[in-house]
Amino acid sequence: MKECGNHTGGRTLSQKLLRQGYFWPTMHHDAIDFVRKCDRCQRYANISRRPSEPLTFITAPWPFAQWGMDFVGPLPVATGKMKFLIMAVDYFTKWVEAEPLATITEKNTKSFVWKSIICRFGVPRVIVSDNGKQFDCQTFHDFCKEWRIEHRLASVAYLQSNGQPEVINREIISSLKKCLEHSKGRWTEELPSVLWAYRTTPRTTAGESPYNLYFGAEAMIPVEIDVQSSRVVQFSEENNEEGLRTLLDLVEELRDKAAIKIVAYQ
């Protein structure tokens, strides 16, 4: 189970194993027990200390149409004097993009949206952020206006309206702590593997992993190389193209089902 990458919980770990084609009778129990006995999981698990409040749900109409953005930090200073993390999450697939920064500036914010969102996923319909000066400034307003992006600022009195990035921020930081423990200045080196583990883990709301909703297929995880899964054993170059076409034909159905689950979860 260690070869599945970073784990966020027993249930999600067992789901990840099932999706890769593995099964044994006590798998769910073993996954929960594995996480329960993981020293780092217990010490760095997310524990909410905020009083419960009504949740605000925001549903995106299609993948990569609506993103929530936020900054994390300051973090322990890493190579290149990096101590902040800018993050964006797609409200539909829950796909996360993140980039380490040395400073928080309007220029860095605009550059991140251009490189990590527009150039990779197309122009979004909506960007939701808090009222930080790097977002609520003329430079970023003009940038969004140029690309016809609707920029929504979370209410000062109700910041939970941009709660999606905050929840994922806590999960990413918790995973980084589990990986590093005493070597906190190496968080920039561990960030890609933490993001990969997050992207390949099924999310509760959609019932699918962000990777699957993005590409239409599950990612190959390390355990499949050592203990070959059915798709590895049955791999054939002759049939690969046909298999990929079938998966792509089904991706819209997969996304429709995910959208229904998200609405039902609300």
Protein backbone atom coordinates (compact mmCIF):
# COMPACT_ATOMS: atom_id res chain seq x y z
CA MET A 1 0.00 0.00 0.00
CA LYS A 2 2.98 2.29 0.46
CA GLU A 3 3.55 2.11 -3.30
CA CYS A 4 0.23 3.86 -3.98
CA GLY A 5 1.83 7.20 -3.16
CA ASN A 6 0.72 9.59 -0.43
CA HIS A 7 -2.50 8.48 1.24
CA THR A 8 -5.19 10.76 2.65
CA GLY A 9 -7.33 8.16 4.41
CA GLY A 10 -8.22 4.49 4.63
CA ARG A 11 -11.30 4.67 2.41
CA THR A 12 -9.61 6.63 -0.36
CA LEU A 13 -6.59 4.32 -0.22
CA SER A 14 -8.76 1.22 -0.68
CA GLN A 15 -10.64 2.94 -3.53
CA LYS A 16 -7.34 3.71 -5.22
CA LEU A 17 -6.29 0.05 -5.01
CA LEU A 18 -9.64 -1.15 -6.37
CA ARG A 19 -9.45 1.20 -9.34
CA GLN A 20 -6.05 -0.17 -10.28
CA GLY A 21 -7.42 -3.73 -10.34
CA TYR A 22 -6.34 -5.05 -6.92
CA PHE A 23 -8.57 -6.80 -4.41
CA TRP A 24 -8.41 -9.03 -1.35
CA PRO A 25 -11.21 -9.83 1.12
CA THR A 26 -9.96 -7.62 3.98
CA MET A 27 -8.65 -4.79 1.80
CA HIS A 28 -10.85 -1.99 3.21
CA HIS A 29 -10.12 -3.00 6.81
CA ASP A 30 -6.39 -3.31 6.07
CA ALA A 31 -6.29 0.13 4.43
CA ILE A 32 -7.98 1.79 7.42
CA ASP A 33 -5.67 -0.06 9.81
CA PHE A 34 -2.63 0.95 7.75
CA VAL A 35 -3.53 4.64 7.92
CA ARG A 36 -4.48 4.40 11.60
CA LYS A 37 -1.02 2.98 12.41
CA CYS A 38 0.83 5.48 10.21
CA ASP A 39 2.65 7.72 12.68
CA ARG A 40 2.86 10.71 10.33
CA CYS A 41 -0.81 10.43 9.35
CA GLN A 42 -1.85 10.67 12.98
CA ARG A 43 0.46 13.56 13.82
CA TYR A 44 -0.24 15.68 10.74
CA ALA A 45 -3.86 14.81 9.98
CA ASN A 46 -6.24 17.69 9.35
CA ILE A 47 -8.16 18.50 12.53
CA SER A 48 -10.75 21.22 12.14
CA ARG A 49 -10.67 23.74 14.98
CA ARG A 50 -13.22 26.09 13.50
CA PRO A 51 -16.83 26.12 14.69
CA SER A 52 -19.16 24.51 12.17
CA GLU A 53 -20.84 26.90 9.74
CA PRO A 54 -23.30 26.51 6.87
CA LEU A 55 -21.52 25.39 3.71
CA THR A 56 -21.70 27.30 0.45
CA PHE A 57 -21.59 25.02 -2.60
CA ILE A 58 -20.54 26.26 -6.00
CA THR A 59 -21.06 23.97 -8.97
CA ALA A 60 -19.10 24.51 -12.19
CA PRO A 61 -20.95 23.86 -15.48
CA TRP A 62 -18.07 21.96 -17.12
CA PRO A 63 -14.41 21.01 -16.46
CA PHE A 64 -11.99 23.93 -16.06
CA ALA A 65 -14.70 26.57 -16.41
CA GLN A 66 -14.41 27.81 -12.83
CA TRP A 67 -11.30 27.99 -10.64
CA GLY A 68 -10.79 28.97 -7.03
CA MET A 69 -7.45 30.58 -6.14
CA ASP A 70 -5.60 31.16 -2.89
CA PHE A 71 -2.14 31.66 -1.39
CA VAL A 72 -0.50 29.55 1.33
CA GLY A 73 2.32 30.79 3.54
CA PRO A 74 4.71 31.83 4.69
CA LEU A 75 6.16 28.30 4.72
CA PRO A 76 9.68 27.22 5.78
CA VAL A 77 12.16 28.88 3.40
CA ALA A 78 13.15 26.47 0.61
CA THR A 79 15.67 26.57 -2.23
CA GLY A 80 15.46 29.83 -4.15
CA LYS A 81 14.02 31.56 -1.06
CA MET A 82 10.62 30.07 -1.85
CA LYS A 83 8.22 30.48 1.06
CA PHE A 84 4.76 30.89 -0.47
CA LEU A 85 2.52 28.65 -2.53
CA ILE A 86 -0.05 29.88 -5.04
CA MET A 87 -2.77 27.32 -5.70
CA ALA A 88 -5.77 26.97 -7.99
CA VAL A 89 -8.45 24.27 -7.95
CA ASP A 90 -10.95 23.49 -10.70
CA TYR A 91 -14.42 23.34 -9.16
CA PHE A 92 -15.59 20.48 -11.42
CA THR A 93 -12.73 17.94 -11.56
CA LYS A 94 -10.99 19.16 -8.34
CA TRP A 95 -7.74 19.25 -10.33
CA VAL A 96 -5.10 21.32 -8.54
CA GLU A 97 -2.32 23.50 -9.94
CA ALA A 98 0.30 24.95 -7.60
CA GLU A 99 3.57 26.88 -7.84
CA PRO A 100 6.14 27.90 -5.19
CA LEU A 101 6.88 31.64 -4.95
CA ALA A 102 9.44 33.75 -3.14
CA THR A 103 7.08 36.72 -2.91
CA ILE A 104 3.39 37.43 -3.46
CA THR A 105 2.93 40.04 -6.17
CA GLU A 106 0.33 41.08 -8.72
CA LYS A 107 2.74 40.05 -11.49
CA ASN A 108 3.21 36.55 -10.04
CA THR A 109 -0.54 36.10 -9.72
CA LYS A 110 -1.21 37.11 -13.31
CA SER A 111 1.69 34.98 -14.58
CA PHE A 112 0.40 31.90 -12.74
CA VAL A 113 -3.08 32.22 -14.24
CA TRP A 114 -1.57 32.60 -17.70
CA LYS A 115 0.93 29.72 -17.49
CA SER A 116 -0.87 27.22 -15.28
CA ILE A 117 -4.52 27.77 -16.22
CA ILE A 118 -5.05 29.50 -19.57
CA CYS A 119 -2.14 27.90 -21.45
CA ARG A 120 -2.99 24.42 -20.15
CA PHE A 121 -6.78 24.31 -19.79
CA GLY A 122 -8.09 27.21 -21.85
CA VAL A 123 -9.67 30.48 -20.75
CA PRO A 124 -11.84 29.92 -17.66
CA ARG A 125 -15.30 31.39 -17.33
CA VAL A 126 -14.90 32.35 -13.66
CA ILE A 127 -12.07 32.82 -11.14
CA VAL A 128 -12.99 33.00 -7.45
CA SER A 129 -10.52 34.46 -4.95
CA ASP A 130 -10.32 36.21 -1.60
CA ASN A 131 -9.88 39.96 -1.20
CA GLY A 132 -6.08 39.93 -1.01
CA LYS A 133 -4.41 42.90 -2.68
CA GLN A 134 -2.76 40.61 -5.26
CA PHE A 135 -6.28 39.76 -6.50
CA ASP A 136 -8.23 42.93 -5.72
CA CYS A 137 -6.01 45.25 -7.77
CA GLN A 138 -6.25 47.06 -11.08
CA THR A 139 -3.57 44.88 -12.70
CA PHE A 140 -5.47 41.64 -12.09
CA HIS A 141 -8.85 43.22 -12.85
CA ASP A 142 -7.52 44.43 -16.22
CA PHE A 143 -6.02 41.00 -16.94
CA CYS A 144 -9.36 39.27 -16.30
CA LYS A 145 -11.20 41.88 -18.35
CA GLU A 146 -8.80 41.35 -21.27
CA TRP A 147 -9.56 37.60 -21.31
CA ARG A 148 -13.29 38.04 -20.58
CA ILE A 149 -12.92 36.19 -17.26
CA GLU A 150 -15.47 36.92 -14.55
CA HIS A 151 -13.53 37.58 -11.35
CA ARG A 152 -15.52 36.96 -8.18
CA LEU A 153 -14.20 38.16 -4.84
CA ALA A 154 -15.25 36.21 -1.75
CA SER A 155 -17.28 38.26 0.69
CA VAL A 156 -15.21 39.72 3.52
CA ALA A 157 -17.97 38.74 5.94
CA TYR A 158 -18.23 35.22 4.50
CA LEU A 159 -14.91 33.94 3.20
CA GLN A 160 -16.32 30.38 3.12
CA SER A 161 -17.73 31.30 -0.30
CA ASN A 162 -14.20 30.53 -1.52
CA GLY A 163 -13.88 27.47 0.71
CA GLN A 164 -12.86 25.00 -2.02
CA PRO A 165 -9.21 26.16 -2.23
CA GLU A 166 -8.95 26.45 1.56
CA VAL A 167 -9.98 22.82 2.08
CA ILE A 168 -7.51 21.57 -0.52
CA ASN A 169 -4.77 23.85 0.80
CA ARG A 170 -5.03 22.13 4.17
CA GLU A 171 -4.87 18.70 2.54
CA ILE A 172 -1.79 19.57 0.46
CA ILE A 173 0.04 21.11 3.44
CA SER A 174 -0.85 18.10 5.61
CA SER A 175 0.61 15.76 2.95
CA LEU A 176 3.79 17.84 2.72
CA LYS A 177 4.22 17.62 6.50
CA LYS A 178 3.85 13.84 6.40
CA CYS A 179 6.53 13.57 3.70
CA LEU A 180 9.09 15.91 5.23
CA GLU A 181 8.69 16.00 9.00
CA HIS A 182 12.15 17.31 10.01
CA SER A 183 13.34 18.51 6.56
CA LYS A 184 10.70 21.20 6.12
CA GLY A 185 12.83 23.31 3.77
CA ARG A 186 12.52 20.62 1.09
CA TRP A 187 8.80 21.11 0.55
CA THR A 188 9.33 22.43 -2.99
CA GLU A 189 11.00 19.13 -3.92
CA GLU A 190 8.14 17.06 -2.52
CA LEU A 191 5.37 19.23 -3.97
CA PRO A 192 5.14 17.43 -7.38
CA SER A 193 4.69 14.00 -5.76
CA VAL A 194 2.10 15.36 -3.31
CA LEU A 195 0.15 16.96 -6.17
CA TRP A 196 0.36 13.72 -8.17
CA ALA A 197 -0.98 11.69 -5.24
CA TYR A 198 -3.83 14.17 -4.77
CA ARG A 199 -4.74 14.17 -8.47
CA THR A 200 -4.88 10.37 -8.66
CA THR A 201 -7.01 9.88 -5.52
CA PRO A 202 -10.84 9.67 -5.86
CA ARG A 203 -12.62 12.66 -4.32
CA THR A 204 -15.67 12.17 -2.12
CA THR A 205 -17.95 14.59 -3.98
CA ALA A 206 -17.45 13.31 -7.54
CA GLY A 207 -16.56 9.71 -6.74
CA GLU A 208 -13.72 9.95 -9.29
CA SER A 209 -10.12 11.10 -9.23
CA PRO A 210 -9.27 14.48 -10.80
CA TYR A 211 -6.89 12.60 -13.12
CA ASN A 212 -9.67 10.34 -14.40
CA LEU A 213 -12.07 13.23 -14.98
CA TYR A 214 -9.32 15.08 -16.85
CA PHE A 215 -7.82 12.32 -19.01
CA GLY A 216 -10.61 9.74 -19.06
CA ALA A 217 -8.40 7.00 -17.57
CA GLU A 218 -6.73 6.25 -14.25
CA ALA A 219 -3.02 7.04 -13.85
CA MET A 220 -0.44 4.27 -13.68
CA ILE A 221 0.73 4.07 -10.06
CA PRO A 222 4.07 2.60 -8.85
CA VAL A 223 2.56 -0.58 -7.39
CA GLU A 224 1.36 -1.61 -10.87
CA ILE A 225 4.97 -1.94 -11.99
CA ASP A 226 6.02 -4.29 -9.16
CA VAL A 227 2.75 -6.20 -8.76
CA GLN A 228 1.34 -6.07 -12.26
CA SER A 229 -2.32 -5.13 -12.51
CA SER A 230 -4.66 -6.57 -15.14
CA ARG A 231 -4.17 -3.66 -17.54
CA VAL A 232 -0.38 -4.04 -17.37
CA VAL A 233 -0.58 -7.79 -17.98
CA GLN A 234 -3.03 -7.38 -20.86
CA PHE A 235 -1.27 -4.43 -22.48
CA SER A 236 -0.91 -4.75 -26.24
CA GLU A 237 0.40 -2.09 -28.62
CA GLU A 238 -1.99 -3.35 -31.29
CA ASN A 239 -5.05 -2.88 -29.06
CA ASN A 240 -3.84 0.20 -27.18
CA GLU A 241 -5.20 2.77 -29.65
CA GLU A 242 -8.62 1.13 -29.73
CA GLY A 243 -8.73 1.01 -25.94
CA LEU A 244 -7.84 4.69 -25.66
CA ARG A 245 -10.54 5.64 -28.14
CA THR A 246 -13.11 3.71 -26.12
CA LEU A 247 -12.07 5.50 -22.92
CA LEU A 248 -12.26 8.89 -24.64
CA ASP A 249 -15.73 8.06 -25.96
CA LEU A 250 -16.85 7.34 -22.40
CA VAL A 251 -15.25 10.35 -20.71
CA GLU A 252 -18.29 12.60 -21.24
CA GLU A 253 -20.53 10.00 -19.59
CA LEU A 254 -18.02 9.79 -16.73
CA ARG A 255 -18.13 13.56 -16.27
CA ASP A 256 -21.94 13.65 -16.43
CA LYS A 257 -22.14 11.04 -13.67
CA ALA A 258 -19.62 13.01 -11.61
CA ALA A 259 -21.69 16.19 -12.04
CA ILE A 260 -24.82 14.37 -10.81
CA LYS A 261 -22.92 13.05 -7.77
CA ILE A 262 -21.60 16.53 -6.96
CA VAL A 263 -25.12 17.99 -7.03
CA ALA A 264 -26.47 15.08 -4.96
CA TYR A 265 -23.64 15.52 -2.44
CA GLN A 266 -24.72 19.12 -1.89
